[in-house]
Structures are given as structure tokens and as C-alpha cells.
Amino acid sequence: MLVQNNSEQRVKEYINSRTFHEAIVPVKVMLQKRKSMMTKKEIILFPRYVFVRSDLDSQSFKVYTERYLAGLSGFTRLMTYEDHIPALKKDELNIVNSFFSNKGIVEPSKGFIKNERINIVQGPLLGLESKIKQVNFIKKEVTITLMLFNELKEVKLTCEILTMPI
């Protein structure tokens, strides 16, 4: 579902506390260098989006959102794909589910470079090597491109590269 800026946590807490649905706001752990020390900071992975897992069928979930969430401060609208819920296609859902495995916290991946190709050995980027568009060795992050909600989105994730190219 789509929410207003900075309303993700409030909508998530409302849904999780008052319903049997599970709302998730995926956050990424980014490494930042402050005063020559690396610190971890959590940043929302997809700003303005709250993902909801539910056992209800599409029509029942749509009725639920119209009845209980329409008046909620911060709620904008329910995302659909060709009038179906979930709004994500199956291949998009598989990728996003890999981000949800740790309660929505996307931990840093680990990888190495061999023959000018990056190989991920651990973390949520495992199996998504073909989607990596750019590697920033200094910031220890990679940029991947994902197709979500019929839009091409660039996402930056932390990835510790164990060896650098020569």
C-alpha cells in the first residue's frame, strides 16, 4: 500500500496492533563512516510503501482497507496490479520476499569479485547478481535495479566486497 512520507511506521504499527495481517516496512542496514569509524544506520528501503501479508482473498482485503484504513492518517491508497491484490507480480514477489526474511531488515550481503564478475555468497543479494548495476567500493554498497509496480527502481544495498579488482 502507498502511504504519505514519513508515515510508514505509524501505518505499520496500526495494522499490526489492530488486525491479524502482518505489515512490513523493509529497512536496509547501511554502513556509514563517522569519525573514521563504521557505524550502522537503518534506512527505509522503499519510501512511502508498506507491504502487507494477509490470508484474505483480493476482494475481502480490498473491503477491509476501505473500511478500516481509508480514514487512517497517512494512508494514501491500496496498490493493485490489473485490479488484483497483491500488486506485485510473482517474480517481483519472489525478489521482495527475500528482503522480508529477517522481519524486514535487509542486512549487508557479502561477496567477492572473480574474473571481473561479482559473486554474492551471503545475504539478500544472493542470486541477484545479474541485477547489480553499479558497485561502490568506498561506501561498500551496490546499486541494483528492480521492477516493482511496473516501474524500474534503483535500490542501494550494503555489500561487503572481500576482494577488489586488480
N, C-alpha and C. Protein backbone atom coordinates (compact mmCIF):
# COMPACT_ATOMS: atom_id res chain seq x y z
N MET A 1 0.83 -1.17 0.00
CA MET A 1 0.00 0.00 0.00
C MET A 1 0.88 1.23 0.00
N LEU A 2 0.34 2.31 -0.49
CA LEU A 2 1.06 3.56 -0.60
C LEU A 2 0.64 4.46 0.56
N VAL A 3 1.62 5.06 1.23
CA VAL A 3 1.34 5.95 2.36
C VAL A 3 2.06 7.27 2.14
N GLN A 4 1.75 8.24 2.98
CA GLN A 4 2.41 9.54 2.89
C GLN A 4 3.84 9.44 3.41
N ASN A 5 4.67 10.41 3.02
CA ASN A 5 6.05 10.45 3.50
C ASN A 5 6.09 10.42 5.02
N ASN A 6 7.03 9.66 5.56
CA ASN A 6 7.27 9.54 6.99
C ASN A 6 6.08 8.97 7.78
N SER A 7 5.15 8.30 7.11
CA SER A 7 4.01 7.67 7.79
C SER A 7 4.12 6.16 7.80
N GLU A 8 5.20 5.62 7.27
CA GLU A 8 5.32 4.17 7.11
C GLU A 8 5.22 3.43 8.45
N GLN A 9 5.97 3.87 9.44
CA GLN A 9 5.98 3.17 10.73
C GLN A 9 4.63 3.27 11.44
N ARG A 10 3.99 4.42 11.36
CA ARG A 10 2.69 4.61 12.01
C ARG A 10 1.64 3.68 11.41
N VAL A 11 1.59 3.60 10.08
CA VAL A 11 0.62 2.72 9.42
C VAL A 11 0.94 1.26 9.73
N LYS A 12 2.21 0.91 9.71
CA LYS A 12 2.63 -0.46 10.05
C LYS A 12 2.19 -0.84 11.45
N GLU A 13 2.45 0.02 12.43
CA GLU A 13 2.08 -0.27 13.82
C GLU A 13 0.57 -0.37 13.98
N TYR A 14 -0.18 0.47 13.28
CA TYR A 14 -1.64 0.41 13.35
C TYR A 14 -2.15 -0.93 12.84
N ILE A 15 -1.66 -1.35 11.68
CA ILE A 15 -2.11 -2.61 11.09
C ILE A 15 -1.71 -3.79 11.97
N ASN A 16 -0.47 -3.81 12.46
CA ASN A 16 0.00 -4.93 13.27
C ASN A 16 -0.69 -5.01 14.63
N SER A 17 -1.09 -3.89 15.19
CA SER A 17 -1.69 -3.91 16.53
C SER A 17 -3.20 -4.16 16.51
N ARG A 18 -3.87 -3.87 15.41
CA ARG A 18 -5.32 -3.96 15.39
C ARG A 18 -5.88 -5.03 14.47
N THR A 19 -5.03 -5.74 13.76
CA THR A 19 -5.53 -6.72 12.81
C THR A 19 -4.71 -8.00 12.88
N PHE A 20 -5.14 -8.98 12.12
CA PHE A 20 -4.40 -10.25 12.03
C PHE A 20 -3.49 -10.27 10.81
N HIS A 21 -3.35 -9.13 10.13
CA HIS A 21 -2.44 -9.02 8.99
C HIS A 21 -1.05 -8.66 9.50
N GLU A 22 -0.04 -8.94 8.68
CA GLU A 22 1.33 -8.59 9.04
C GLU A 22 1.82 -7.49 8.10
N ALA A 23 2.07 -6.32 8.65
CA ALA A 23 2.58 -5.20 7.87
C ALA A 23 4.09 -5.13 8.05
N ILE A 24 4.79 -4.88 6.95
CA ILE A 24 6.25 -4.82 6.97
C ILE A 24 6.71 -3.57 6.22
N VAL A 25 7.62 -2.85 6.85
CA VAL A 25 8.31 -1.74 6.19
C VAL A 25 9.77 -2.16 6.10
N PRO A 26 10.22 -2.62 4.94
CA PRO A 26 11.60 -3.09 4.84
C PRO A 26 12.60 -1.95 5.03
N VAL A 27 13.61 -2.22 5.86
CA VAL A 27 14.69 -1.26 6.08
C VAL A 27 16.01 -1.91 5.72
N LYS A 28 16.93 -1.10 5.22
CA LYS A 28 18.25 -1.61 4.87
C LYS A 28 19.25 -1.10 5.89
N VAL A 29 20.20 -1.93 6.21
CA VAL A 29 21.28 -1.55 7.10
C VAL A 29 22.40 -1.00 6.24
N MET A 30 22.71 0.27 6.43
CA MET A 30 23.77 0.92 5.66
C MET A 30 24.95 1.20 6.58
N LEU A 31 26.13 1.03 6.05
CA LEU A 31 27.35 1.33 6.79
C LEU A 31 27.77 2.76 6.47
N GLN A 32 27.97 3.57 7.51
CA GLN A 32 28.40 4.94 7.32
C GLN A 32 29.68 5.18 8.10
N LYS A 33 30.56 5.94 7.50
CA LYS A 33 31.82 6.24 8.16
C LYS A 33 31.68 7.58 8.88
N ARG A 34 31.83 7.54 10.19
CA ARG A 34 31.76 8.74 11.02
C ARG A 34 32.98 8.78 11.92
N LYS A 35 33.74 9.84 11.83
CA LYS A 35 34.94 10.00 12.65
C LYS A 35 35.83 8.77 12.56
N SER A 36 36.07 8.34 11.35
CA SER A 36 36.91 7.18 11.00
C SER A 36 36.42 5.86 11.59
N MET A 37 35.14 5.78 11.98
CA MET A 37 34.57 4.53 12.47
C MET A 37 33.34 4.20 11.63
N MET A 38 33.17 2.93 11.33
CA MET A 38 32.00 2.48 10.57
C MET A 38 30.84 2.26 11.54
N THR A 39 29.71 2.90 11.26
CA THR A 39 28.51 2.71 12.07
C THR A 39 27.39 2.21 11.17
N LYS A 40 26.43 1.52 11.79
CA LYS A 40 25.28 1.00 11.05
C LYS A 40 24.10 1.93 11.25
N LYS A 41 23.38 2.17 10.15
CA LYS A 41 22.19 3.02 10.20
C LYS A 41 21.09 2.33 9.40
N GLU A 42 19.87 2.32 9.94
CA GLU A 42 18.74 1.71 9.25
C GLU A 42 17.99 2.79 8.46
N ILE A 43 17.76 2.50 7.18
CA ILE A 43 17.08 3.42 6.27
C ILE A 43 15.96 2.64 5.57
N ILE A 44 14.81 3.27 5.42
CA ILE A 44 13.68 2.61 4.76
C ILE A 44 14.06 2.28 3.32
N LEU A 45 13.84 1.03 2.94
CA LEU A 45 14.24 0.55 1.62
C LEU A 45 13.36 1.10 0.50
N PHE A 46 12.05 1.07 0.70
CA PHE A 46 11.11 1.59 -0.28
C PHE A 46 10.27 2.68 0.39
N PRO A 47 10.71 3.93 0.34
CA PRO A 47 9.95 5.01 1.00
C PRO A 47 8.53 5.09 0.45
N ARG A 48 7.58 5.35 1.34
CA ARG A 48 6.15 5.51 1.06
C ARG A 48 5.41 4.20 0.81
N TYR A 49 6.06 3.04 0.98
CA TYR A 49 5.39 1.77 0.77
C TYR A 49 5.34 0.96 2.06
N VAL A 50 4.19 0.36 2.33
CA VAL A 50 4.03 -0.60 3.42
C VAL A 50 3.53 -1.89 2.77
N PHE A 51 4.23 -2.99 3.01
CA PHE A 51 3.85 -4.28 2.45
C PHE A 51 3.05 -5.04 3.50
N VAL A 52 1.95 -5.67 3.06
CA VAL A 52 1.06 -6.37 3.99
C VAL A 52 0.88 -7.80 3.53
N ARG A 53 1.10 -8.73 4.47
CA ARG A 53 0.80 -10.15 4.22
C ARG A 53 -0.55 -10.45 4.84
N SER A 54 -1.40 -11.12 4.08
CA SER A 54 -2.73 -11.43 4.58
C SER A 54 -3.22 -12.74 3.98
N ASP A 55 -4.08 -13.42 4.72
CA ASP A 55 -4.69 -14.65 4.22
C ASP A 55 -6.01 -14.38 3.50
N LEU A 56 -6.45 -13.14 3.49
CA LEU A 56 -7.71 -12.79 2.83
C LEU A 56 -7.55 -12.82 1.31
N ASP A 57 -8.65 -13.11 0.62
CA ASP A 57 -8.61 -13.03 -0.83
C ASP A 57 -8.64 -11.55 -1.24
N SER A 58 -8.42 -11.29 -2.52
CA SER A 58 -8.28 -9.91 -3.00
C SER A 58 -9.48 -9.03 -2.66
N GLN A 59 -10.67 -9.53 -2.92
CA GLN A 59 -11.87 -8.73 -2.69
C GLN A 59 -12.07 -8.43 -1.21
N SER A 60 -11.88 -9.43 -0.36
CA SER A 60 -12.04 -9.22 1.09
C SER A 60 -11.02 -8.23 1.62
N PHE A 61 -9.79 -8.32 1.13
CA PHE A 61 -8.76 -7.40 1.60
C PHE A 61 -9.06 -5.98 1.14
N LYS A 62 -9.59 -5.83 -0.06
CA LYS A 62 -9.96 -4.51 -0.56
C LYS A 62 -11.07 -3.90 0.30
N VAL A 63 -12.06 -4.71 0.66
CA VAL A 63 -13.14 -4.24 1.54
C VAL A 63 -12.58 -3.85 2.90
N TYR A 64 -11.66 -4.67 3.42
CA TYR A 64 -11.02 -4.37 4.71
C TYR A 64 -10.32 -3.02 4.68
N THR A 65 -9.54 -2.76 3.63
CA THR A 65 -8.81 -1.49 3.58
C THR A 65 -9.76 -0.30 3.43
N GLU A 66 -10.83 -0.47 2.66
CA GLU A 66 -11.79 0.62 2.50
C GLU A 66 -12.49 0.92 3.82
N ARG A 67 -12.76 -0.11 4.60
CA ARG A 67 -13.50 0.06 5.84
C ARG A 67 -12.62 0.57 6.99
N TYR A 68 -11.42 0.01 7.13
CA TYR A 68 -10.63 0.29 8.32
C TYR A 68 -9.43 1.22 8.10
N LEU A 69 -8.95 1.33 6.89
CA LEU A 69 -7.74 2.12 6.67
C LEU A 69 -7.99 3.42 5.91
N ALA A 70 -9.15 3.56 5.28
CA ALA A 70 -9.40 4.74 4.45
C ALA A 70 -9.28 6.03 5.25
N GLY A 71 -9.70 6.03 6.50
CA GLY A 71 -9.64 7.25 7.31
C GLY A 71 -8.37 7.39 8.12
N LEU A 72 -7.47 6.44 8.01
CA LEU A 72 -6.23 6.46 8.79
C LEU A 72 -5.30 7.56 8.28
N SER A 73 -4.81 8.35 9.19
CA SER A 73 -3.87 9.41 8.84
C SER A 73 -2.59 8.81 8.26
N GLY A 74 -2.21 9.24 7.09
CA GLY A 74 -1.00 8.74 6.44
C GLY A 74 -1.28 7.73 5.35
N PHE A 75 -2.42 7.04 5.40
CA PHE A 75 -2.76 6.06 4.37
C PHE A 75 -3.19 6.79 3.10
N THR A 76 -2.60 6.42 1.95
CA THR A 76 -2.95 7.07 0.69
C THR A 76 -3.85 6.18 -0.15
N ARG A 77 -3.33 5.00 -0.54
CA ARG A 77 -4.17 4.10 -1.34
C ARG A 77 -3.58 2.70 -1.36
N LEU A 78 -4.42 1.77 -1.75
CA LEU A 78 -4.02 0.38 -1.89
C LEU A 78 -3.49 0.19 -3.31
N MET A 79 -2.32 -0.41 -3.41
CA MET A 79 -1.72 -0.66 -4.72
C MET A 79 -2.32 -1.93 -5.31
N THR A 80 -2.67 -1.88 -6.59
CA THR A 80 -3.21 -3.05 -7.28
C THR A 80 -2.47 -3.24 -8.60
N TYR A 81 -2.56 -4.44 -9.12
CA TYR A 81 -2.00 -4.75 -10.43
C TYR A 81 -3.11 -5.39 -11.24
N GLU A 82 -3.59 -4.68 -12.26
CA GLU A 82 -4.71 -5.14 -13.09
C GLU A 82 -5.89 -5.53 -12.20
N ASP A 83 -6.22 -4.68 -11.24
CA ASP A 83 -7.32 -4.88 -10.28
C ASP A 83 -7.15 -6.10 -9.40
N HIS A 84 -5.94 -6.62 -9.29
CA HIS A 84 -5.67 -7.76 -8.41
C HIS A 84 -4.79 -7.32 -7.26
N ILE A 85 -5.02 -7.94 -6.15
CA ILE A 85 -4.14 -7.78 -5.00
C ILE A 85 -3.54 -9.15 -4.77
N PRO A 86 -2.27 -9.34 -4.69
CA PRO A 86 -1.24 -8.34 -4.46
C PRO A 86 -0.89 -7.56 -5.72
N ALA A 87 -0.34 -6.39 -5.50
CA ALA A 87 0.04 -5.51 -6.60
C ALA A 87 1.31 -5.98 -7.29
N LEU A 88 2.02 -6.89 -6.65
CA LEU A 88 3.27 -7.39 -7.21
C LEU A 88 3.03 -8.63 -8.06
N LYS A 89 3.75 -8.73 -9.16
CA LYS A 89 3.71 -9.95 -9.96
C LYS A 89 4.51 -11.02 -9.23
N LYS A 90 4.39 -12.27 -9.66
CA LYS A 90 5.05 -13.37 -8.95
C LYS A 90 6.56 -13.22 -8.91
N ASP A 91 7.20 -12.82 -10.01
CA ASP A 91 8.65 -12.67 -9.99
C ASP A 91 9.08 -11.51 -9.10
N GLU A 92 8.28 -10.43 -9.07
CA GLU A 92 8.58 -9.31 -8.17
C GLU A 92 8.41 -9.75 -6.72
N LEU A 93 7.38 -10.54 -6.47
CA LEU A 93 7.10 -11.01 -5.12
C LEU A 93 8.22 -11.90 -4.59
N ASN A 94 8.79 -12.74 -5.45
CA ASN A 94 9.91 -13.60 -5.03
C ASN A 94 11.11 -12.77 -4.60
N ILE A 95 11.42 -11.73 -5.34
CA ILE A 95 12.56 -10.87 -5.00
C ILE A 95 12.30 -10.13 -3.70
N VAL A 96 11.12 -9.55 -3.57
CA VAL A 96 10.80 -8.78 -2.37
C VAL A 96 10.75 -9.69 -1.14
N ASN A 97 10.26 -10.92 -1.29
CA ASN A 97 10.21 -11.85 -0.16
C ASN A 97 11.60 -12.15 0.38
N SER A 98 12.62 -12.12 -0.47
CA SER A 98 13.98 -12.35 0.03
C SER A 98 14.41 -11.21 0.96
N PHE A 99 13.83 -10.03 0.78
CA PHE A 99 14.14 -8.90 1.66
C PHE A 99 13.38 -9.01 2.99
N PHE A 100 12.30 -9.77 3.04
CA PHE A 100 11.47 -9.85 4.24
C PHE A 100 11.87 -10.95 5.20
N SER A 101 12.87 -11.74 4.86
CA SER A 101 13.19 -12.93 5.65
C SER A 101 13.60 -12.61 7.08
N ASN A 102 14.14 -11.43 7.34
CA ASN A 102 14.61 -11.07 8.69
C ASN A 102 13.72 -9.96 9.26
N LYS A 103 12.41 -10.17 9.26
CA LYS A 103 11.44 -9.19 9.75
C LYS A 103 11.56 -7.84 9.05
N GLY A 104 11.93 -7.88 7.80
CA GLY A 104 12.02 -6.66 7.00
C GLY A 104 13.33 -5.93 7.10
N ILE A 105 14.30 -6.47 7.84
CA ILE A 105 15.61 -5.83 7.96
C ILE A 105 16.54 -6.47 6.95
N VAL A 106 17.03 -5.68 6.02
CA VAL A 106 17.92 -6.17 4.97
C VAL A 106 19.36 -5.97 5.44
N GLU A 107 19.97 -7.05 5.88
CA GLU A 107 21.35 -7.00 6.38
C GLU A 107 22.32 -6.90 5.20
N PRO A 108 23.55 -6.48 5.45
CA PRO A 108 24.54 -6.42 4.38
C PRO A 108 24.85 -7.79 3.78
N SER A 109 25.05 -7.82 2.49
CA SER A 109 25.46 -9.04 1.80
C SER A 109 26.98 -9.11 1.78
N LYS A 110 27.49 -10.28 1.49
CA LYS A 110 28.94 -10.46 1.36
C LYS A 110 29.21 -11.11 0.02
N GLY A 111 30.28 -10.67 -0.63
CA GLY A 111 30.61 -11.22 -1.94
C GLY A 111 32.07 -11.01 -2.26
N PHE A 112 32.44 -11.51 -3.42
CA PHE A 112 33.81 -11.34 -3.89
C PHE A 112 33.78 -11.17 -5.40
N ILE A 113 34.89 -10.69 -5.93
CA ILE A 113 34.99 -10.49 -7.37
C ILE A 113 35.96 -11.51 -7.93
N LYS A 114 35.50 -12.19 -8.97
CA LYS A 114 36.35 -13.17 -9.65
C LYS A 114 36.12 -13.00 -11.14
N ASN A 115 37.21 -12.81 -11.89
CA ASN A 115 37.13 -12.61 -13.34
C ASN A 115 36.18 -11.48 -13.71
N GLU A 116 36.31 -10.36 -13.00
CA GLU A 116 35.51 -9.16 -13.25
C GLU A 116 34.01 -9.37 -13.07
N ARG A 117 33.62 -10.40 -12.34
CA ARG A 117 32.21 -10.65 -12.03
C ARG A 117 32.05 -10.69 -10.53
N ILE A 118 30.97 -10.14 -10.05
CA ILE A 118 30.71 -10.16 -8.62
C ILE A 118 29.92 -11.42 -8.28
N ASN A 119 30.34 -12.10 -7.25
CA ASN A 119 29.67 -13.30 -6.76
C ASN A 119 29.24 -13.06 -5.32
N ILE A 120 27.95 -13.13 -5.06
CA ILE A 120 27.43 -12.94 -3.71
C ILE A 120 27.37 -14.31 -3.05
N VAL A 121 27.93 -14.40 -1.84
CA VAL A 121 27.97 -15.68 -1.14
C VAL A 121 27.04 -15.71 0.07
N GLN A 122 26.57 -14.53 0.51
CA GLN A 122 25.71 -14.49 1.69
C GLN A 122 24.88 -13.21 1.67
N GLY A 123 23.64 -13.30 2.12
CA GLY A 123 22.80 -12.12 2.26
C GLY A 123 21.67 -12.07 1.25
N PRO A 124 20.87 -11.02 1.31
CA PRO A 124 19.68 -10.92 0.45
C PRO A 124 19.98 -10.75 -1.03
N LEU A 125 21.21 -10.38 -1.39
CA LEU A 125 21.57 -10.24 -2.80
C LEU A 125 21.94 -11.57 -3.44
N LEU A 126 21.95 -12.64 -2.67
CA LEU A 126 22.30 -13.96 -3.18
C LEU A 126 21.33 -14.34 -4.31
N GLY A 127 21.86 -14.60 -5.48
CA GLY A 127 21.04 -14.94 -6.64
C GLY A 127 20.61 -13.74 -7.46
N LEU A 128 20.90 -12.54 -7.01
CA LEU A 128 20.51 -11.33 -7.73
C LEU A 128 21.70 -10.64 -8.38
N GLU A 129 22.78 -11.37 -8.60
CA GLU A 129 24.00 -10.79 -9.17
C GLU A 129 23.75 -10.13 -10.52
N SER A 130 22.84 -10.69 -11.30
CA SER A 130 22.57 -10.14 -12.63
C SER A 130 21.87 -8.78 -12.56
N LYS A 131 21.28 -8.45 -11.43
CA LYS A 131 20.57 -7.19 -11.28
C LYS A 131 21.47 -6.06 -10.76
N ILE A 132 22.72 -6.40 -10.42
CA ILE A 132 23.65 -5.39 -9.91
C ILE A 132 24.08 -4.49 -11.06
N LYS A 133 23.87 -3.19 -10.87
CA LYS A 133 24.16 -2.22 -11.91
C LYS A 133 25.48 -1.49 -11.64
N GLN A 134 25.79 -1.26 -10.36
CA GLN A 134 26.96 -0.47 -10.01
C GLN A 134 27.49 -0.92 -8.66
N VAL A 135 28.81 -0.86 -8.48
CA VAL A 135 29.46 -1.21 -7.22
C VAL A 135 30.26 0.00 -6.75
N ASN A 136 30.05 0.40 -5.50
CA ASN A 136 30.83 1.48 -4.90
C ASN A 136 31.67 0.87 -3.78
N PHE A 137 32.96 0.68 -4.04
CA PHE A 137 33.84 0.02 -3.08
C PHE A 137 34.08 0.88 -1.84
N ILE A 138 34.11 2.18 -2.01
CA ILE A 138 34.38 3.07 -0.88
C ILE A 138 33.23 3.06 0.13
N LYS A 139 32.00 3.15 -0.37
CA LYS A 139 30.83 3.15 0.52
C LYS A 139 30.35 1.75 0.86
N LYS A 140 30.96 0.73 0.24
CA LYS A 140 30.57 -0.67 0.44
C LYS A 140 29.09 -0.88 0.12
N GLU A 141 28.69 -0.41 -1.06
CA GLU A 141 27.31 -0.59 -1.46
C GLU A 141 27.22 -0.91 -2.95
N VAL A 142 26.12 -1.57 -3.30
CA VAL A 142 25.83 -1.87 -4.69
C VAL A 142 24.47 -1.28 -5.04
N THR A 143 24.32 -0.94 -6.30
CA THR A 143 23.04 -0.45 -6.80
C THR A 143 22.45 -1.55 -7.67
N ILE A 144 21.21 -1.94 -7.34
CA ILE A 144 20.53 -2.95 -8.14
C ILE A 144 19.28 -2.32 -8.75
N THR A 145 18.84 -2.87 -9.86
CA THR A 145 17.61 -2.41 -10.49
C THR A 145 16.55 -3.48 -10.33
N LEU A 146 15.38 -3.06 -9.86
CA LEU A 146 14.26 -3.97 -9.66
C LEU A 146 13.04 -3.42 -10.38
N MET A 147 12.22 -4.31 -10.89
CA MET A 147 10.95 -3.92 -11.48
C MET A 147 9.88 -4.12 -10.41
N LEU A 148 9.35 -3.02 -9.88
CA LEU A 148 8.30 -3.08 -8.86
C LEU A 148 7.17 -2.15 -9.26
N PHE A 149 5.95 -2.64 -9.19
CA PHE A 149 4.76 -1.85 -9.50
C PHE A 149 4.85 -1.24 -10.90
N ASN A 150 5.36 -2.03 -11.84
CA ASN A 150 5.53 -1.62 -13.23
C ASN A 150 6.46 -0.42 -13.39
N GLU A 151 7.36 -0.23 -12.44
CA GLU A 151 8.36 0.83 -12.53
C GLU A 151 9.73 0.22 -12.29
N LEU A 152 10.72 0.75 -12.97
CA LEU A 152 12.10 0.33 -12.74
C LEU A 152 12.65 1.15 -11.59
N LYS A 153 13.01 0.49 -10.50
CA LYS A 153 13.51 1.18 -9.31
C LYS A 153 14.96 0.81 -9.07
N GLU A 154 15.76 1.80 -8.71
CA GLU A 154 17.15 1.56 -8.33
C GLU A 154 17.21 1.56 -6.81
N VAL A 155 17.83 0.51 -6.27
CA VAL A 155 17.94 0.35 -4.83
C VAL A 155 19.40 0.18 -4.47
N LYS A 156 19.86 0.93 -3.47
CA LYS A 156 21.23 0.80 -2.99
C LYS A 156 21.23 -0.05 -1.73
N LEU A 157 22.05 -1.10 -1.73
CA LEU A 157 22.17 -2.00 -0.59
C LEU A 157 23.63 -2.14 -0.20
N THR A 158 23.85 -2.41 1.07
CA THR A 158 25.21 -2.61 1.55
C THR A 158 25.71 -3.98 1.15
N CYS A 159 26.93 -4.02 0.66
CA CYS A 159 27.57 -5.28 0.27
C CYS A 159 29.05 -5.17 0.55
N GLU A 160 29.54 -6.06 1.37
CA GLU A 160 30.96 -6.08 1.68
C GLU A 160 31.67 -6.94 0.64
N ILE A 161 32.49 -6.29 -0.18
CA ILE A 161 33.25 -6.99 -1.21
C ILE A 161 34.58 -7.40 -0.59
N LEU A 162 34.84 -8.70 -0.59
CA LEU A 162 36.02 -9.22 0.10
C LEU A 162 37.31 -9.00 -0.67
N THR A 163 37.25 -8.95 -2.01
CA THR A 163 38.45 -8.68 -2.80
C THR A 163 38.12 -7.61 -3.82
N MET A 164 39.06 -6.73 -4.07
CA MET A 164 38.86 -5.67 -5.06
C MET A 164 39.55 -6.05 -6.35
N PRO A 165 39.06 -5.53 -7.48
CA PRO A 165 39.70 -5.86 -8.76
C PRO A 165 41.10 -5.28 -8.84
N ILE A 166 41.96 -5.95 -9.58
CA ILE A 166 43.36 -5.51 -9.73
C ILE A 166 43.46 -4.60 -10.94
